[in-house]
Amino acid sequence: MSTNCYVYRCSAKQDMYIYLAKENDFESIDENLKKKLGELKFAMALDLDDSMKLAKENPVTILSNLKSQGFHLQLPAETSVEEILARIAEKQNKI
């Protein structure tokens, strides 16, 4: 079974997104959390099912959170893409 959800980019941190069960339903987000997300910009609509492959998130967890609280917060990785690329470049320069 698939579920429509709506993904918004959070301006507070790079690679932080919030998935909403209903488009523009910002009321489902706790006020304290909402303040920490920064400006929310629509990124995409997604027809999500539990077998879908996603780059950073487990679709089963997203679906569960959407059902129980109306949203799912995707936090950025502890190591940024820029840091990873810098490490790769540094290793290549040593070779």
N, C-alpha and C. Protein backbone atom coordinates (compact mmCIF):
# COMPACT_ATOMS: atom_id res chain seq x y z
N MET A 1 0.83 -1.18 0.00
CA MET A 1 0.00 0.00 0.00
C MET A 1 0.88 1.25 0.00
N SER A 2 0.56 2.22 -0.84
CA SER A 2 1.36 3.44 -0.89
C SER A 2 0.60 4.60 -0.25
N THR A 3 1.38 5.58 0.18
CA THR A 3 0.86 6.76 0.85
C THR A 3 1.45 8.00 0.21
N ASN A 4 0.60 8.96 -0.07
CA ASN A 4 1.11 10.24 -0.56
C ASN A 4 1.66 11.02 0.62
N CYS A 5 2.81 11.65 0.43
CA CYS A 5 3.35 12.54 1.45
C CYS A 5 4.01 13.72 0.74
N TYR A 6 4.30 14.72 1.52
CA TYR A 6 4.81 15.98 0.98
C TYR A 6 6.09 16.34 1.72
N VAL A 7 7.15 16.58 0.97
CA VAL A 7 8.47 16.78 1.55
C VAL A 7 8.84 18.25 1.44
N TYR A 8 9.32 18.80 2.57
CA TYR A 8 9.71 20.20 2.64
C TYR A 8 11.15 20.30 3.12
N ARG A 9 11.90 21.18 2.51
CA ARG A 9 13.29 21.45 2.89
C ARG A 9 13.27 22.44 4.05
N CYS A 10 14.04 22.17 5.09
CA CYS A 10 14.12 23.04 6.26
C CYS A 10 15.36 23.93 6.12
N SER A 11 15.18 25.24 6.29
CA SER A 11 16.31 26.16 6.11
C SER A 11 17.29 26.16 7.28
N ALA A 12 16.92 25.59 8.42
CA ALA A 12 17.77 25.62 9.60
C ALA A 12 19.08 24.86 9.40
N LYS A 13 19.04 23.75 8.66
CA LYS A 13 20.24 22.94 8.42
C LYS A 13 20.17 22.33 7.03
N GLN A 14 21.32 22.25 6.41
CA GLN A 14 21.40 21.60 5.10
C GLN A 14 21.04 20.13 5.26
N ASP A 15 20.34 19.59 4.29
CA ASP A 15 19.94 18.17 4.27
C ASP A 15 18.96 17.79 5.37
N MET A 16 18.22 18.77 5.91
CA MET A 16 17.16 18.47 6.87
C MET A 16 15.83 18.68 6.16
N TYR A 17 14.97 17.65 6.22
CA TYR A 17 13.68 17.68 5.53
C TYR A 17 12.60 17.22 6.49
N ILE A 18 11.38 17.70 6.24
CA ILE A 18 10.23 17.20 6.99
C ILE A 18 9.21 16.68 6.00
N TYR A 19 8.74 15.48 6.27
CA TYR A 19 7.72 14.83 5.45
C TYR A 19 6.39 15.06 6.15
N LEU A 20 5.37 15.50 5.42
CA LEU A 20 4.05 15.70 5.99
C LEU A 20 3.05 14.75 5.35
N ALA A 21 2.11 14.25 6.17
CA ALA A 21 1.07 13.37 5.66
C ALA A 21 0.07 14.15 4.79
N LYS A 22 -0.11 15.43 5.10
CA LYS A 22 -1.03 16.28 4.34
C LYS A 22 -0.28 17.51 3.87
N GLU A 23 -0.52 17.89 2.63
CA GLU A 23 0.17 19.04 2.04
C GLU A 23 -0.10 20.30 2.87
N ASN A 24 0.98 21.01 3.18
CA ASN A 24 0.94 22.28 3.93
C ASN A 24 0.29 22.16 5.30
N ASP A 25 0.28 20.97 5.90
CA ASP A 25 -0.31 20.77 7.22
C ASP A 25 0.73 21.03 8.31
N PHE A 26 1.13 22.28 8.43
CA PHE A 26 2.17 22.64 9.40
C PHE A 26 1.64 22.62 10.84
N GLU A 27 0.33 22.55 10.99
CA GLU A 27 -0.27 22.50 12.33
C GLU A 27 0.04 21.17 13.02
N SER A 28 0.38 20.14 12.26
CA SER A 28 0.69 18.84 12.85
C SER A 28 2.06 18.83 13.55
N ILE A 29 2.86 19.87 13.28
CA ILE A 29 4.21 19.96 13.86
C ILE A 29 4.15 20.74 15.16
N ASP A 30 4.77 20.20 16.21
CA ASP A 30 4.86 20.87 17.50
C ASP A 30 5.48 22.26 17.32
N GLU A 31 4.95 23.26 18.01
CA GLU A 31 5.42 24.65 17.88
C GLU A 31 6.91 24.80 18.16
N ASN A 32 7.40 24.14 19.21
CA ASN A 32 8.83 24.24 19.55
C ASN A 32 9.70 23.67 18.43
N LEU A 33 9.28 22.54 17.88
CA LEU A 33 10.01 21.93 16.77
C LEU A 33 9.94 22.83 15.54
N LYS A 34 8.77 23.35 15.26
CA LYS A 34 8.56 24.19 14.09
C LYS A 34 9.53 25.38 14.08
N LYS A 35 9.76 25.97 15.25
CA LYS A 35 10.68 27.11 15.37
C LYS A 35 12.11 26.72 15.02
N LYS A 36 12.48 25.49 15.30
CA LYS A 36 13.85 25.02 15.06
C LYS A 36 14.10 24.60 13.61
N LEU A 37 13.03 24.45 12.83
CA LEU A 37 13.17 24.00 11.44
C LEU A 37 13.54 25.13 10.49
N GLY A 38 13.27 26.36 10.87
CA GLY A 38 13.51 27.48 9.97
C GLY A 38 12.39 27.55 8.94
N GLU A 39 12.67 28.21 7.84
CA GLU A 39 11.67 28.34 6.77
C GLU A 39 11.53 27.00 6.06
N LEU A 40 10.29 26.63 5.78
CA LEU A 40 10.02 25.37 5.09
C LEU A 40 9.66 25.67 3.64
N LYS A 41 10.38 25.02 2.72
CA LYS A 41 10.12 25.19 1.29
C LYS A 41 9.76 23.85 0.69
N PHE A 42 8.67 23.83 -0.06
CA PHE A 42 8.21 22.60 -0.69
C PHE A 42 9.30 22.04 -1.60
N ALA A 43 9.59 20.75 -1.45
CA ALA A 43 10.60 20.09 -2.27
C ALA A 43 9.95 19.14 -3.28
N MET A 44 9.01 18.28 -2.80
CA MET A 44 8.38 17.33 -3.71
C MET A 44 7.22 16.62 -3.04
N ALA A 45 6.35 16.09 -3.88
CA ALA A 45 5.31 15.16 -3.43
C ALA A 45 5.85 13.76 -3.72
N LEU A 46 5.55 12.83 -2.85
CA LEU A 46 6.11 11.50 -2.96
C LEU A 46 5.02 10.47 -2.70
N ASP A 47 4.93 9.49 -3.57
CA ASP A 47 4.02 8.37 -3.39
C ASP A 47 4.86 7.26 -2.76
N LEU A 48 4.80 7.15 -1.45
CA LEU A 48 5.72 6.32 -0.68
C LEU A 48 5.10 4.98 -0.31
N ASP A 49 5.88 3.91 -0.50
CA ASP A 49 5.45 2.60 0.00
C ASP A 49 6.63 1.96 0.72
N ASP A 50 6.34 0.93 1.51
CA ASP A 50 7.37 0.36 2.39
C ASP A 50 8.49 -0.38 1.67
N SER A 51 8.35 -0.64 0.38
CA SER A 51 9.41 -1.32 -0.36
C SER A 51 10.29 -0.34 -1.15
N MET A 52 9.98 0.93 -1.07
CA MET A 52 10.71 1.94 -1.83
C MET A 52 12.14 2.10 -1.28
N LYS A 53 13.10 2.30 -2.17
CA LYS A 53 14.49 2.55 -1.77
C LYS A 53 14.70 4.06 -1.68
N LEU A 54 15.11 4.53 -0.52
CA LEU A 54 15.41 5.96 -0.31
C LEU A 54 16.87 6.10 0.08
N ALA A 55 17.45 7.23 -0.26
CA ALA A 55 18.88 7.44 -0.02
C ALA A 55 19.25 7.42 1.46
N LYS A 56 18.45 8.07 2.30
CA LYS A 56 18.87 8.22 3.69
C LYS A 56 17.90 7.68 4.73
N GLU A 57 16.68 7.43 4.35
CA GLU A 57 15.66 7.08 5.33
C GLU A 57 15.05 5.71 5.06
N ASN A 58 14.53 5.12 6.11
CA ASN A 58 13.81 3.85 6.03
C ASN A 58 12.34 4.18 5.77
N PRO A 59 11.78 3.75 4.63
CA PRO A 59 10.40 4.09 4.32
C PRO A 59 9.39 3.57 5.35
N VAL A 60 9.67 2.46 6.00
CA VAL A 60 8.77 1.92 7.02
C VAL A 60 8.69 2.89 8.21
N THR A 61 9.83 3.45 8.60
CA THR A 61 9.86 4.43 9.69
C THR A 61 9.09 5.69 9.31
N ILE A 62 9.30 6.17 8.08
CA ILE A 62 8.60 7.37 7.62
C ILE A 62 7.09 7.13 7.65
N LEU A 63 6.64 6.01 7.09
CA LEU A 63 5.22 5.70 7.05
C LEU A 63 4.62 5.60 8.45
N SER A 64 5.35 4.98 9.36
CA SER A 64 4.89 4.86 10.74
C SER A 64 4.74 6.23 11.40
N ASN A 65 5.75 7.09 11.22
CA ASN A 65 5.70 8.44 11.79
C ASN A 65 4.58 9.28 11.17
N LEU A 66 4.39 9.15 9.86
CA LEU A 66 3.31 9.90 9.20
C LEU A 66 1.96 9.47 9.77
N LYS A 67 1.80 8.18 10.00
CA LYS A 67 0.53 7.67 10.52
C LYS A 67 0.31 8.09 11.97
N SER A 68 1.35 8.02 12.80
CA SER A 68 1.19 8.28 14.23
C SER A 68 1.21 9.76 14.60
N GLN A 69 2.01 10.58 13.89
CA GLN A 69 2.12 11.98 14.29
C GLN A 69 1.89 12.98 13.16
N GLY A 70 1.71 12.50 11.94
CA GLY A 70 1.42 13.39 10.82
C GLY A 70 2.64 13.95 10.13
N PHE A 71 3.84 13.63 10.66
CA PHE A 71 5.08 14.10 10.03
C PHE A 71 6.24 13.17 10.36
N HIS A 72 7.30 13.31 9.58
CA HIS A 72 8.56 12.60 9.83
C HIS A 72 9.68 13.60 9.58
N LEU A 73 10.61 13.71 10.51
CA LEU A 73 11.74 14.62 10.37
C LEU A 73 12.98 13.85 9.95
N GLN A 74 13.56 14.25 8.83
CA GLN A 74 14.82 13.66 8.35
C GLN A 74 15.94 14.61 8.74
N LEU A 75 16.80 14.14 9.62
CA LEU A 75 17.92 14.96 10.09
C LEU A 75 19.12 14.79 9.16
N PRO A 76 19.97 15.80 9.09
CA PRO A 76 21.15 15.68 8.24
C PRO A 76 22.11 14.64 8.82
N ALA A 77 22.91 14.06 7.94
CA ALA A 77 23.93 13.12 8.39
C ALA A 77 24.92 13.85 9.29
N GLU A 78 25.54 13.10 10.19
CA GLU A 78 26.50 13.73 11.10
C GLU A 78 27.69 14.30 10.34
N THR A 79 28.02 13.70 9.24
CA THR A 79 29.11 14.18 8.40
C THR A 79 28.51 14.74 7.12
N SER A 80 28.83 15.99 6.81
CA SER A 80 28.26 16.61 5.62
C SER A 80 28.90 16.06 4.35
N VAL A 81 28.22 16.23 3.24
CA VAL A 81 28.73 15.81 1.94
C VAL A 81 30.06 16.52 1.66
N GLU A 82 30.13 17.79 2.01
CA GLU A 82 31.36 18.56 1.78
C GLU A 82 32.55 17.96 2.53
N GLU A 83 32.31 17.54 3.79
CA GLU A 83 33.38 16.93 4.58
C GLU A 83 33.84 15.61 3.95
N ILE A 84 32.90 14.82 3.49
CA ILE A 84 33.24 13.55 2.86
C ILE A 84 34.07 13.78 1.59
N LEU A 85 33.64 14.73 0.75
CA LEU A 85 34.38 15.05 -0.47
C LEU A 85 35.78 15.57 -0.16
N ALA A 86 35.90 16.38 0.88
CA ALA A 86 37.21 16.89 1.27
C ALA A 86 38.13 15.76 1.72
N ARG A 87 37.61 14.79 2.45
CA ARG A 87 38.41 13.64 2.88
C ARG A 87 38.86 12.81 1.68
N ILE A 88 37.97 12.61 0.72
CA ILE A 88 38.32 11.85 -0.48
C ILE A 88 39.42 12.57 -1.25
N ALA A 89 39.27 13.87 -1.41
CA ALA A 89 40.28 14.66 -2.13
C ALA A 89 41.61 14.61 -1.42
N GLU A 90 41.58 14.68 -0.10
CA GLU A 90 42.81 14.63 0.70
C GLU A 90 43.52 13.28 0.51
N LYS A 91 42.76 12.19 0.52
CA LYS A 91 43.35 10.86 0.33
C LYS A 91 43.94 10.71 -1.07
N GLN A 92 43.26 11.27 -2.07
CA GLN A 92 43.75 11.18 -3.44
C GLN A 92 45.04 11.98 -3.63
N ASN A 93 45.16 13.08 -2.91
CA ASN A 93 46.37 13.90 -3.00
C ASN A 93 47.56 13.22 -2.36
N LYS A 94 47.34 12.31 -1.43
CA LYS A 94 48.43 11.58 -0.76
C LYS A 94 48.94 10.42 -1.60
N ILE A 95 48.16 10.01 -2.58
CA ILE A 95 48.55 8.86 -3.41
C ILE A 95 49.60 9.25 -4.41
